[in-house]
Amino acid sequence: MRVLVTGGAGFIGSHVVEGALAEGHEVAVLDDLSSGKRSNVPKGVPLFEVDLRNRGAVRDALVGFKPDLVSHQGAQISVAVSVREPYLDGEVNILGGLNLLDACVALKVKRVVFASTGGAICGEVPEGQVADEDWRPAPISPYAIHKLAFEQLLDVYRTHHGLESVVLRYANIYGPRQDPHGEAGVVAIFFDTVLAGKTLRVNGMRAEGDSGCLRDYAYVGDAVRANLAALAGRLPERLMNVCTGTTVSTLDLAREISAVAGAELRTVFAPPRAGDIGRSVLDPKRFVGVLGAPVPIGEGLRHTFEWYRSLQ
């Protein structure tokens, strides 16, 4: 099958590209390289350097490659940026996505797999609970609102245009190639900080000095497994969390990363960050039922550390 991966030069997207190639698919990448890197695209894979907001260029790329399947990883991914620039977030994540869907309909693409967000859409998850796929959405950022809106647009395109789709709601995905600079995930930032011999910053959840926000960290390999299964039509449901269901505080993460790196734990405590969800943990039951157990955080962090160390 011919698979187009939007955002395929980025962190998660480039891993999806490699996974699709390993399964024998013919793969192409659509990416504007605003945050992705050309070096992340495997040799021989066509790269359409296209901004999703450019409607004509998006259509031309699909005409040029004629994909059967699309893995839509391309996005404006920062909650903080969406709060500062909600129009930009809407342009990329809604209008850019619509450009892609219209091109998919015109080119008779069979199925679109959409990289959505579990934590941001589900909002605050009370202690002792995990958010399953039926959890009532409680988005509090433009990013989360636009991701949820696009999930609903996929339903519209399925009903009115026959375009099949699967939604994957990611927890906090981490792993090799995640950029520690700019609007990055905390795992990448912490590894970069530890390897530089610097002190890890732990922002409080409720007050400066507590153990920080509680999160569900999922290894990028599990996101790849979910995407490949979704592209192949192997998921019994059209919505699935990609997560572990394990609760990890920022301080616990700092301890784990310091131990994996063989470094002394050095932390500084800071006040809570405005807009941060305190506790975000998803239910992995549906994931486990189809794909088996997710990668434990200790194992995932070891793989990630080996990659960051190789860059030193």
C-alpha atoms as a PDB file:
ATOM      1  CA  MET A   1       0.000   0.000   0.000  1.00  0.00           C
ATOM      2  CA  ARG A   2       1.039   3.615  -0.553  1.00  0.00           C
ATOM      3  CA  VAL A   3       1.164   5.514   2.762  1.00  0.00           C
ATOM      4  CA  LEU A   4       1.544   9.285   3.126  1.00  0.00           C
ATOM      5  CA  VAL A   5       2.729  10.480   6.539  1.00  0.00           C
ATOM      6  CA  THR A   6       2.113  14.148   7.286  1.00  0.00           C
ATOM      7  CA  GLY A   7       4.645  15.501   9.760  1.00  0.00           C
ATOM      8  CA  GLY A   8       6.837  12.583   8.719  1.00  0.00           C
ATOM      9  CA  ALA A   9      10.060  14.542   9.261  1.00  0.00           C
ATOM     10  CA  GLY A  10       9.141  15.131  12.898  1.00  0.00           C
ATOM     11  CA  PHE A  11       9.561  13.103  16.067  1.00  0.00           C
ATOM     12  CA  ILE A  12       6.604  10.707  16.009  1.00  0.00           C
ATOM     13  CA  GLY A  13       6.001  10.920  12.274  1.00  0.00           C
ATOM     14  CA  SER A  14       9.498   9.791  11.342  1.00  0.00           C
ATOM     15  CA  HIS A  15       9.084   6.680  13.491  1.00  0.00           C
ATOM     16  CA  VAL A  16       5.762   5.954  11.758  1.00  0.00           C
ATOM     17  CA  VAL A  17       7.562   6.274   8.411  1.00  0.00           C
ATOM     18  CA  GLU A  18      10.168   3.711   9.468  1.00  0.00           C
ATOM     19  CA  GLY A  19       7.487   1.360  10.770  1.00  0.00           C
ATOM     20  CA  ALA A  20       5.485   1.571   7.548  1.00  0.00           C
ATOM     21  CA  LEU A  21       8.607   0.900   5.477  1.00  0.00           C
ATOM     22  CA  ALA A  22       9.411  -2.124   7.629  1.00  0.00           C
ATOM     23  CA  GLU A  23       5.946  -3.508   6.873  1.00  0.00           C
ATOM     24  CA  GLY A  24       6.610  -3.221   3.155  1.00  0.00           C
ATOM     25  CA  HIS A  25       4.562  -0.125   2.363  1.00  0.00           C
ATOM     26  CA  GLU A  26       5.593   2.487  -0.176  1.00  0.00           C
ATOM     27  CA  VAL A  27       5.909   5.691   1.867  1.00  0.00           C
ATOM     28  CA  ALA A  28       6.085   9.433   1.245  1.00  0.00           C
ATOM     29  CA  VAL A  29       6.310  12.364   3.667  1.00  0.00           C
ATOM     30  CA  LEU A  30       4.501  15.702   3.675  1.00  0.00           C
ATOM     31  CA  ASP A  31       6.190  18.185   6.034  1.00  0.00           C
ATOM     32  CA  ASP A  32       6.933  21.912   5.954  1.00  0.00           C
ATOM     33  CA  LEU A  33      10.147  21.348   8.009  1.00  0.00           C
ATOM     34  CA  SER A  34       9.159  24.104  10.442  1.00  0.00           C
ATOM     35  CA  SER A  35      10.082  21.743  13.260  1.00  0.00           C
ATOM     36  CA  GLY A  36      10.808  18.471  11.460  1.00  0.00           C
ATOM     37  CA  LYS A  37      14.214  17.653  10.057  1.00  0.00           C
ATOM     38  CA  ARG A  38      15.086  16.463   6.578  1.00  0.00           C
ATOM     39  CA  SER A  39      17.632  14.120   8.160  1.00  0.00           C
ATOM     40  CA  ASN A  40      14.763  12.253   9.882  1.00  0.00           C
ATOM     41  CA  VAL A  41      13.376  11.154   6.506  1.00  0.00           C
ATOM     42  CA  PRO A  42      14.918   7.847   5.364  1.00  0.00           C
ATOM     43  CA  LYS A  43      16.881   7.870   2.137  1.00  0.00           C
ATOM     44  CA  GLY A  44      14.714   7.189  -0.895  1.00  0.00           C
ATOM     45  CA  VAL A  45      11.463   8.348   0.735  1.00  0.00           C
ATOM     46  CA  PRO A  46       9.887  11.224  -1.245  1.00  0.00           C
ATOM     47  CA  LEU A  47       9.520  14.429   0.784  1.00  0.00           C
ATOM     48  CA  PHE A  48       6.876  16.973  -0.189  1.00  0.00           C
ATOM     49  CA  GLU A  49       7.983  20.169   1.548  1.00  0.00           C
ATOM     50  CA  VAL A  50       4.479  21.559   1.944  1.00  0.00           C
ATOM     51  CA  ASP A  51       2.636  23.641   4.548  1.00  0.00           C
ATOM     52  CA  LEU A  52      -0.764  22.115   5.356  1.00  0.00           C
ATOM     53  CA  ARG A  53      -2.260  25.598   5.102  1.00  0.00           C
ATOM     54  CA  ASN A  54      -1.387  25.731   1.391  1.00  0.00           C
ATOM     55  CA  ARG A  55      -4.486  24.104  -0.058  1.00  0.00           C
ATOM     56  CA  GLY A  56      -3.221  23.801  -3.626  1.00  0.00           C
ATOM     57  CA  ALA A  57       0.165  22.417  -2.614  1.00  0.00           C
ATOM     58  CA  VAL A  58      -1.433  19.813  -0.349  1.00  0.00           C
ATOM     59  CA  ARG A  59      -3.634  18.611  -3.204  1.00  0.00           C
ATOM     60  CA  ASP A  60      -0.677  18.596  -5.622  1.00  0.00           C
ATOM     61  CA  ALA A  61       1.324  16.438  -3.196  1.00  0.00           C
ATOM     62  CA  LEU A  62      -1.453  13.871  -2.976  1.00  0.00           C
ATOM     63  CA  VAL A  63      -1.921  13.925  -6.746  1.00  0.00           C
ATOM     64  CA  GLY A  64       1.815  13.342  -7.132  1.00  0.00           C
ATOM     65  CA  PHE A  65       1.983  10.373  -4.746  1.00  0.00           C
ATOM     66  CA  LYS A  66      -1.568   8.943  -4.922  1.00  0.00           C
ATOM     67  CA  PRO A  67      -1.657   7.440  -1.418  1.00  0.00           C
ATOM     68  CA  ASP A  68      -4.021   4.657  -0.396  1.00  0.00           C
ATOM     69  CA  LEU A  69      -3.657   5.537   3.289  1.00  0.00           C
ATOM     70  CA  VAL A  70      -2.706   8.659   5.247  1.00  0.00           C
ATOM     71  CA  SER A  71      -1.184   8.901   8.729  1.00  0.00           C
ATOM     72  CA  HIS A  72      -1.860  12.486   9.804  1.00  0.00           C
ATOM     73  CA  GLN A  73       0.818  13.386  12.346  1.00  0.00           C
ATOM     74  CA  GLY A  74       1.432  16.946  11.116  1.00  0.00           C
ATOM     75  CA  ALA A  75       0.221  19.619  13.536  1.00  0.00           C
ATOM     76  CA  GLN A  76       0.900  22.646  15.647  1.00  0.00           C
ATOM     77  CA  ILE A  77       1.708  20.623  18.764  1.00  0.00           C
ATOM     78  CA  SER A  78       2.232  23.133  21.570  1.00  0.00           C
ATOM     79  CA  VAL A  79      -0.552  23.912  24.055  1.00  0.00           C
ATOM     80  CA  ALA A  80       1.326  27.043  25.130  1.00  0.00           C
ATOM     81  CA  VAL A  81       1.624  28.303  21.549  1.00  0.00           C
ATOM     82  CA  SER A  82      -2.084  27.643  21.005  1.00  0.00           C
ATOM     83  CA  VAL A  83      -2.921  29.851  23.980  1.00  0.00           C
ATOM     84  CA  ARG A  84      -0.639  32.627  22.740  1.00  0.00           C
ATOM     85  CA  GLU A  85      -1.661  32.236  19.096  1.00  0.00           C
ATOM     86  CA  PRO A  86      -5.046  30.507  18.841  1.00  0.00           C
ATOM     87  CA  TYR A  87      -5.534  31.677  15.252  1.00  0.00           C
ATOM     88  CA  LEU A  88      -2.291  29.986  14.186  1.00  0.00           C
ATOM     89  CA  ASP A  89      -3.333  26.782  15.919  1.00  0.00           C
ATOM     90  CA  GLY A  90      -6.706  26.854  14.179  1.00  0.00           C
ATOM     91  CA  GLU A  91      -5.100  27.564  10.804  1.00  0.00           C
ATOM     92  CA  VAL A  92      -2.844  24.528  11.030  1.00  0.00           C
ATOM     93  CA  ASN A  93      -4.884  22.045  13.025  1.00  0.00           C
ATOM     94  CA  ILE A  94      -8.333  22.814  11.574  1.00  0.00           C
ATOM     95  CA  LEU A  95      -7.960  24.531   8.193  1.00  0.00           C
ATOM     96  CA  GLY A  96      -4.782  22.667   7.278  1.00  0.00           C
ATOM     97  CA  GLY A  97      -6.456  19.429   8.259  1.00  0.00           C
ATOM     98  CA  LEU A  98      -9.468  20.246   6.105  1.00  0.00           C
ATOM     99  CA  ASN A  99      -7.163  20.857   3.153  1.00  0.00           C
ATOM    100  CA  LEU A 100      -5.799  17.366   3.692  1.00  0.00           C
ATOM    101  CA  LEU A 101      -9.247  15.753   4.040  1.00  0.00           C
ATOM    102  CA  ASP A 102     -10.561  17.407   0.881  1.00  0.00           C
ATOM    103  CA  ALA A 103      -7.533  16.163  -1.036  1.00  0.00           C
ATOM    104  CA  CYS A 104      -8.054  12.679   0.429  1.00  0.00           C
ATOM    105  CA  VAL A 105     -11.667  12.665  -0.774  1.00  0.00           C
ATOM    106  CA  ALA A 106     -10.663  13.883  -4.241  1.00  0.00           C
ATOM    107  CA  LEU A 107      -7.929  11.232  -4.540  1.00  0.00           C
ATOM    108  CA  LYS A 108     -10.140   8.482  -3.069  1.00  0.00           C
ATOM    109  CA  VAL A 109      -7.852   7.743  -0.133  1.00  0.00           C
ATOM    110  CA  LYS A 110      -9.194   4.726   1.738  1.00  0.00           C
ATOM    111  CA  ARG A 111      -8.362   5.642   5.345  1.00  0.00           C
ATOM    112  CA  VAL A 112      -6.921   8.484   7.447  1.00  0.00           C
ATOM    113  CA  VAL A 113      -5.320   7.840  10.841  1.00  0.00           C
ATOM    114  CA  PHE A 114      -5.355  10.973  12.985  1.00  0.00           C
ATOM    115  CA  ALA A 115      -2.889  11.730  15.781  1.00  0.00           C
ATOM    116  CA  SER A 116      -5.056  13.335  18.438  1.00  0.00           C
ATOM    117  CA  THR A 117      -4.431  14.079  22.112  1.00  0.00           C
ATOM    118  CA  GLY A 118      -5.802  12.206  25.096  1.00  0.00           C
ATOM    119  CA  GLY A 119      -4.581  14.306  27.983  1.00  0.00           C
ATOM    120  CA  ALA A 120      -5.479  17.702  26.582  1.00  0.00           C
ATOM    121  CA  ILE A 121      -8.948  16.614  25.428  1.00  0.00           C
ATOM    122  CA  CYS A 122      -9.871  14.711  28.602  1.00  0.00           C
ATOM    123  CA  GLY A 123      -8.696  17.435  30.978  1.00  0.00           C
ATOM    124  CA  GLU A 124      -8.243  16.876  34.710  1.00  0.00           C
ATOM    125  CA  VAL A 125      -8.530  13.200  35.710  1.00  0.00           C
ATOM    126  CA  PRO A 126      -9.343  12.692  39.411  1.00  0.00           C
ATOM    127  CA  GLU A 127      -7.073  10.661  41.674  1.00  0.00           C
ATOM    128  CA  GLY A 128      -7.675   6.927  41.344  1.00  0.00           C
ATOM    129  CA  GLN A 129      -9.266   7.174  37.889  1.00  0.00           C
ATOM    130  CA  VAL A 130      -8.046   6.783  34.317  1.00  0.00           C
ATOM    131  CA  ALA A 131      -9.722   8.375  31.299  1.00  0.00           C
ATOM    132  CA  ASP A 132     -11.063   5.838  28.832  1.00  0.00           C
ATOM    133  CA  GLU A 133     -12.192   6.551  25.274  1.00  0.00           C
ATOM    134  CA  ASP A 134     -15.724   7.372  26.491  1.00  0.00           C
ATOM    135  CA  TRP A 135     -14.515   9.982  28.983  1.00  0.00           C
ATOM    136  CA  ARG A 136     -16.422  13.237  28.672  1.00  0.00           C
ATOM    137  CA  PRO A 137     -14.148  15.759  26.898  1.00  0.00           C
ATOM    138  CA  ALA A 138     -13.049  18.756  28.947  1.00  0.00           C
ATOM    139  CA  PRO A 139     -10.645  20.740  26.720  1.00  0.00           C
ATOM    140  CA  ILE A 140      -9.296  23.980  28.188  1.00  0.00           C
ATOM    141  CA  SER A 141      -6.866  25.106  25.460  1.00  0.00           C
ATOM    142  CA  PRO A 142      -7.287  26.051  21.794  1.00  0.00           C
ATOM    143  CA  TYR A 143      -5.033  23.114  20.954  1.00  0.00           C
ATOM    144  CA  ALA A 144      -7.323  20.611  22.678  1.00  0.00           C
ATOM    145  CA  ILE A 145     -10.480  22.248  21.325  1.00  0.00           C
ATOM    146  CA  HIS A 146      -9.168  22.128  17.765  1.00  0.00           C
ATOM    147  CA  LYS A 147      -8.037  18.498  18.087  1.00  0.00           C
ATOM    148  CA  LEU A 148     -11.480  17.513  19.366  1.00  0.00           C
ATOM    149  CA  ALA A 149     -13.170  19.503  16.609  1.00  0.00           C
ATOM    150  CA  PHE A 150     -11.077  17.705  13.993  1.00  0.00           C
ATOM    151  CA  GLU A 151     -12.061  14.341  15.454  1.00  0.00           C
ATOM    152  CA  GLN A 152     -15.680  15.395  14.884  1.00  0.00           C
ATOM    153  CA  LEU A 153     -14.922  16.586  11.362  1.00  0.00           C
ATOM    154  CA  LEU A 154     -13.587  13.122  10.588  1.00  0.00           C
ATOM    155  CA  ASP A 155     -17.019  11.773  11.514  1.00  0.00           C
ATOM    156  CA  VAL A 156     -18.593  14.246   9.082  1.00  0.00           C
ATOM    157  CA  TYR A 157     -16.258  13.190   6.258  1.00  0.00           C
ATOM    158  CA  ARG A 158     -16.953   9.542   6.989  1.00  0.00           C
ATOM    159  CA  THR A 159     -20.718  10.105   6.860  1.00  0.00           C
ATOM    160  CA  HIS A 160     -20.844  12.396   3.838  1.00  0.00           C
ATOM    161  CA  HIS A 161     -17.822  11.297   1.804  1.00  0.00           C
ATOM    162  CA  GLY A 162     -17.174   7.688   2.850  1.00  0.00           C
ATOM    163  CA  LEU A 163     -13.655   8.522   4.062  1.00  0.00           C
ATOM    164  CA  GLU A 164     -12.674   5.943   6.686  1.00  0.00           C
ATOM    165  CA  SER A 165     -10.784   7.234   9.719  1.00  0.00           C
ATOM    166  CA  VAL A 166      -9.253   6.148  13.012  1.00  0.00           C
ATOM    167  CA  VAL A 167      -8.419   8.492  15.900  1.00  0.00           C
ATOM    168  CA  LEU A 168      -5.457   7.770  18.169  1.00  0.00           C
ATOM    169  CA  ARG A 169      -5.442   9.796  21.377  1.00  0.00           C
ATOM    170  CA  TYR A 170      -1.852  10.050  22.519  1.00  0.00           C
ATOM    171  CA  ALA A 171      -0.715  10.359  26.102  1.00  0.00           C
ATOM    172  CA  ASN A 172       2.688  12.044  26.615  1.00  0.00           C
ATOM    173  CA  ILE A 173       4.748  10.384  23.879  1.00  0.00           C
ATOM    174  CA  TYR A 174       8.528  10.282  24.346  1.00  0.00           C
ATOM    175  CA  GLY A 175      11.492   8.575  22.734  1.00  0.00           C
ATOM    176  CA  PRO A 176      14.431   9.000  20.347  1.00  0.00           C
ATOM    177  CA  ARG A 177      14.428  12.086  18.086  1.00  0.00           C
ATOM    178  CA  GLN A 178      12.262  14.188  20.364  1.00  0.00           C
ATOM    179  CA  ASP A 179      13.812  17.659  20.208  1.00  0.00           C
ATOM    180  CA  PRO A 180      14.759  19.005  23.675  1.00  0.00           C
ATOM    181  CA  HIS A 181      14.695  22.595  22.455  1.00  0.00           C
ATOM    182  CA  GLY A 182      11.759  24.935  22.032  1.00  0.00           C
ATOM    183  CA  GLU A 183       8.295  23.585  22.857  1.00  0.00           C
ATOM    184  CA  ALA A 184       9.495  20.089  23.725  1.00  0.00           C
ATOM    185  CA  GLY A 185       8.358  17.232  25.933  1.00  0.00           C
ATOM    186  CA  VAL A 186       9.735  17.031  29.455  1.00  0.00           C
ATOM    187  CA  VAL A 187      11.508  13.701  28.841  1.00  0.00           C
ATOM    188  CA  ALA A 188      13.614  15.222  26.058  1.00  0.00           C
ATOM    189  CA  ILE A 189      14.294  18.328  28.140  1.00  0.00           C
ATOM    190  CA  PHE A 190      15.331  16.276  31.176  1.00  0.00           C
ATOM    191  CA  PHE A 191      17.701  14.032  29.211  1.00  0.00           C
ATOM    192  CA  ASP A 192      19.286  17.056  27.560  1.00  0.00           C
ATOM    193  CA  THR A 193      19.657  18.735  30.953  1.00  0.00           C
ATOM    194  CA  VAL A 194      21.114  15.682  32.709  1.00  0.00           C
ATOM    195  CA  LEU A 195      23.621  15.019  29.939  1.00  0.00           C
ATOM    196  CA  ALA A 196      24.740  18.652  30.161  1.00  0.00           C
ATOM    197  CA  GLY A 197      25.336  18.208  33.913  1.00  0.00           C
ATOM    198  CA  LYS A 198      22.671  20.741  34.820  1.00  0.00           C
ATOM    199  CA  THR A 199      19.862  20.775  37.376  1.00  0.00           C
ATOM    200  CA  LEU A 200      16.372  19.512  36.563  1.00  0.00           C
ATOM    201  CA  ARG A 201      13.500  21.947  37.080  1.00  0.00           C
ATOM    202  CA  VAL A 202      10.381  20.502  38.735  1.00  0.00           C
ATOM    203  CA  ASN A 203       7.353  22.757  38.415  1.00  0.00           C
ATOM    204  CA  GLY A 204       4.815  22.165  41.157  1.00  0.00           C
ATOM    205  CA  MET A 205       1.337  20.814  40.524  1.00  0.00           C
ATOM    206  CA  ARG A 206      -0.391  22.819  43.266  1.00  0.00           C
ATOM    207  CA  ALA A 207       2.495  24.622  44.942  1.00  0.00           C
ATOM    208  CA  GLU A 208       6.230  25.086  44.611  1.00  0.00           C
ATOM    209  CA  GLY A 209       8.015  22.174  46.246  1.00  0.00           C
ATOM    210  CA  ASP A 210       5.492  19.408  45.575  1.00  0.00           C
ATOM    211  CA  SER A 211       6.314  16.497  43.239  1.00  0.00           C
ATOM    212  CA  GLY A 212       4.792  18.145  40.169  1.00  0.00           C
ATOM    213  CA  CYS A 213       2.087  17.221  37.684  1.00  0.00           C
ATOM    214  CA  LEU A 214       1.035  13.610  37.196  1.00  0.00           C
ATOM    215  CA  ARG A 215       1.300  12.242  33.688  1.00  0.00           C
ATOM    216  CA  ASP A 216       1.038   9.102  31.560  1.00  0.00           C
ATOM    217  CA  TYR A 217       4.231   8.670  29.505  1.00  0.00           C
ATOM    218  CA  ALA A 218       4.018   6.371  26.456  1.00  0.00           C
ATOM    219  CA  TYR A 219       6.992   5.218  24.372  1.00  0.00           C
ATOM    220  CA  VAL A 220       7.015   6.250  20.712  1.00  0.00           C
ATOM    221  CA  GLY A 221       7.234   2.618  19.617  1.00  0.00           C
ATOM    222  CA  ASP A 222       3.726   2.094  20.966  1.00  0.00           C
ATOM    223  CA  ALA A 223       2.465   5.041  18.906  1.00  0.00           C
ATOM    224  CA  VAL A 224       4.002   3.367  15.847  1.00  0.00           C
ATOM    225  CA  ARG A 225       2.338   0.028  16.628  1.00  0.00           C
ATOM    226  CA  ALA A 226      -1.009   1.772  17.000  1.00  0.00           C
ATOM    227  CA  ASN A 227      -0.609   3.679  13.728  1.00  0.00           C
ATOM    228  CA  LEU A 228       0.340   0.580  11.741  1.00  0.00           C
ATOM    229  CA  ALA A 229      -2.596  -1.378  13.135  1.00  0.00           C
ATOM    230  CA  ALA A 230      -4.958   1.519  12.401  1.00  0.00           C
ATOM    231  CA  LEU A 231      -3.664   1.949   8.846  1.00  0.00           C
ATOM    232  CA  ALA A 232      -4.169  -1.765   8.222  1.00  0.00           C
ATOM    233  CA  GLY A 233      -7.730  -1.686   9.564  1.00  0.00           C
ATOM    234  CA  ARG A 234      -6.855  -4.008  12.458  1.00  0.00           C
ATOM    235  CA  LEU A 235      -8.483  -1.917  15.208  1.00  0.00           C
ATOM    236  CA  PRO A 236     -12.024  -2.933  16.149  1.00  0.00           C
ATOM    237  CA  GLU A 237     -12.841   0.601  17.327  1.00  0.00           C
ATOM    238  CA  ARG A 238     -12.368   3.956  15.562  1.00  0.00           C
ATOM    239  CA  LEU A 239     -10.990   5.633  18.694  1.00  0.00           C
ATOM    240  CA  MET A 240      -8.132   4.357  20.853  1.00  0.00           C
ATOM    241  CA  ASN A 241      -5.873   5.739  23.569  1.00  0.00           C
ATOM    242  CA  VAL A 242      -2.123   5.256  23.157  1.00  0.00           C
ATOM    243  CA  CYS A 243      -0.938   5.194  26.747  1.00  0.00           C
ATOM    244  CA  THR A 244       0.249   3.055  29.660  1.00  0.00           C
ATOM    245  CA  GLY A 245      -2.206   3.948  32.430  1.00  0.00           C
ATOM    246  CA  THR A 246       0.776   4.450  34.761  1.00  0.00           C
ATOM    247  CA  THR A 247       0.899   7.627  36.857  1.00  0.00           C
ATOM    248  CA  VAL A 248       4.303   9.333  36.975  1.00  0.00           C
ATOM    249  CA  SER A 249       5.021  12.637  38.728  1.00  0.00           C
ATOM    250  CA  THR A 250       7.551  15.111  37.375  1.00  0.00           C
ATOM    251  CA  LEU A 251       9.819  14.390  40.351  1.00  0.00           C
ATOM    252  CA  ASP A 252       9.538  10.621  39.797  1.00  0.00           C
ATOM    253  CA  LEU A 253      10.446  11.184  36.149  1.00  0.00           C
ATOM    254  CA  ALA A 254      13.482  13.218  37.215  1.00  0.00           C
ATOM    255  CA  ARG A 255      14.576  10.347  39.466  1.00  0.00           C
ATOM    256  CA  GLU A 256      14.076   7.737  36.726  1.00  0.00           C
ATOM    257  CA  ILE A 257      15.991   9.740  34.126  1.00  0.00           C
ATOM    258  CA  SER A 258      18.846  10.537  36.493  1.00  0.00           C
ATOM    259  CA  ALA A 259      19.136   6.844  37.403  1.00  0.00           C
ATOM    260  CA  VAL A 260      19.068   5.697  33.765  1.00  0.00           C
ATOM    261  CA  ALA A 261      21.761   8.262  32.918  1.00  0.00           C
ATOM    262  CA  GLY A 262      23.867   7.253  35.933  1.00  0.00           C
ATOM    263  CA  ALA A 263      23.741  10.820  37.225  1.00  0.00           C
ATOM    264  CA  GLU A 264      23.160  12.266  40.676  1.00  0.00           C
ATOM    265  CA  LEU A 265      19.597  13.545  41.124  1.00  0.00           C
ATOM    266  CA  ARG A 266      19.791  17.344  41.107  1.00  0.00           C
ATOM    267  CA  THR A 267      16.517  19.256  41.144  1.00  0.00           C
ATOM    268  CA  VAL A 268      15.258  22.744  41.712  1.00  0.00           C
ATOM    269  CA  PHE A 269      11.612  23.337  42.566  1.00  0.00           C
ATOM    270  CA  ALA A 270       9.569  25.981  40.818  1.00  0.00           C
ATOM    271  CA  PRO A 271       5.970  27.276  40.985  1.00  0.00           C
ATOM    272  CA  PRO A 272       3.179  25.656  38.964  1.00  0.00           C
ATOM    273  CA  ARG A 273       2.899  26.715  35.325  1.00  0.00           C
ATOM    274  CA  ALA A 274      -0.269  28.505  34.313  1.00  0.00           C
ATOM    275  CA  GLY A 275      -2.642  26.297  32.337  1.00  0.00           C
ATOM    276  CA  ASP A 276      -1.039  22.961  33.221  1.00  0.00           C
ATOM    277  CA  ILE A 277      -3.455  20.092  33.887  1.00  0.00           C
ATOM    278  CA  GLY A 278      -2.606  18.593  37.262  1.00  0.00           C
ATOM    279  CA  ARG A 279      -3.346  14.921  36.645  1.00  0.00           C
ATOM    280  CA  SER A 280      -3.657  13.323  33.213  1.00  0.00           C
ATOM    281  CA  VAL A 281      -3.708   9.521  33.012  1.00  0.00           C
ATOM    282  CA  LEU A 282      -5.446   7.482  30.296  1.00  0.00           C
ATOM    283  CA  ASP A 283      -6.977   3.998  30.245  1.00  0.00           C
ATOM    284  CA  PRO A 284      -4.904   1.511  28.176  1.00  0.00           C
ATOM    285  CA  LYS A 285      -7.480  -1.308  28.203  1.00  0.00           C
ATOM    286  CA  ARG A 286      -8.454  -0.955  24.552  1.00  0.00           C
ATOM    287  CA  PHE A 287      -4.785  -0.658  23.472  1.00  0.00           C
ATOM    288  CA  VAL A 288      -3.783  -3.739  25.488  1.00  0.00           C
ATOM    289  CA  GLY A 289      -6.694  -5.751  24.125  1.00  0.00           C
ATOM    290  CA  VAL A 290      -5.472  -5.288  20.551  1.00  0.00           C
ATOM    291  CA  LEU A 291      -1.721  -4.710  20.755  1.00  0.00           C
ATOM    292  CA  GLY A 292      -0.652  -6.190  24.072  1.00  0.00           C
ATOM    293  CA  ALA A 293       1.167  -4.521  26.939  1.00  0.00           C
ATOM    294  CA  PRO A 294       2.677  -1.080  26.362  1.00  0.00           C
ATOM    295  CA  VAL A 295       6.396  -0.530  26.856  1.00  0.00           C
ATOM    296  CA  PRO A 296       7.135   0.071  30.581  1.00  0.00           C
ATOM    297  CA  ILE A 297       8.584   3.496  31.291  1.00  0.00           C
ATOM    298  CA  GLY A 298      11.878   2.111  32.591  1.00  0.00           C
ATOM    299  CA  GLU A 299      12.492   0.217  29.364  1.00  0.00           C
ATOM    300  CA  GLY A 300      11.395   3.139  27.187  1.00  0.00           C
ATOM    301  CA  LEU A 301      13.659   5.553  29.041  1.00  0.00           C
ATOM    302  CA  ARG A 302      16.636   3.215  28.584  1.00  0.00           C
ATOM    303  CA  HIS A 303      16.072   3.119  24.816  1.00  0.00           C
ATOM    304  CA  THR A 304      15.685   6.888  24.769  1.00  0.00           C
ATOM    305  CA  PHE A 305      18.837   7.475  26.806  1.00  0.00           C
ATOM    306  CA  GLU A 306      20.900   5.303  24.482  1.00  0.00           C
ATOM    307  CA  TRP A 307      19.838   7.501  21.574  1.00  0.00           C
ATOM    308  CA  TYR A 308      20.570  10.804  23.331  1.00  0.00           C
ATOM    309  CA  ARG A 309      23.922   9.487  24.529  1.00  0.00           C
ATOM    310  CA  SER A 310      24.822   8.526  20.943  1.00  0.00           C
ATOM    311  CA  LEU A 311      24.549  12.216  20.005  1.00  0.00           C
ATOM    312  CA  GLN A 312      27.138  13.335  22.552  1.00  0.00           C
END
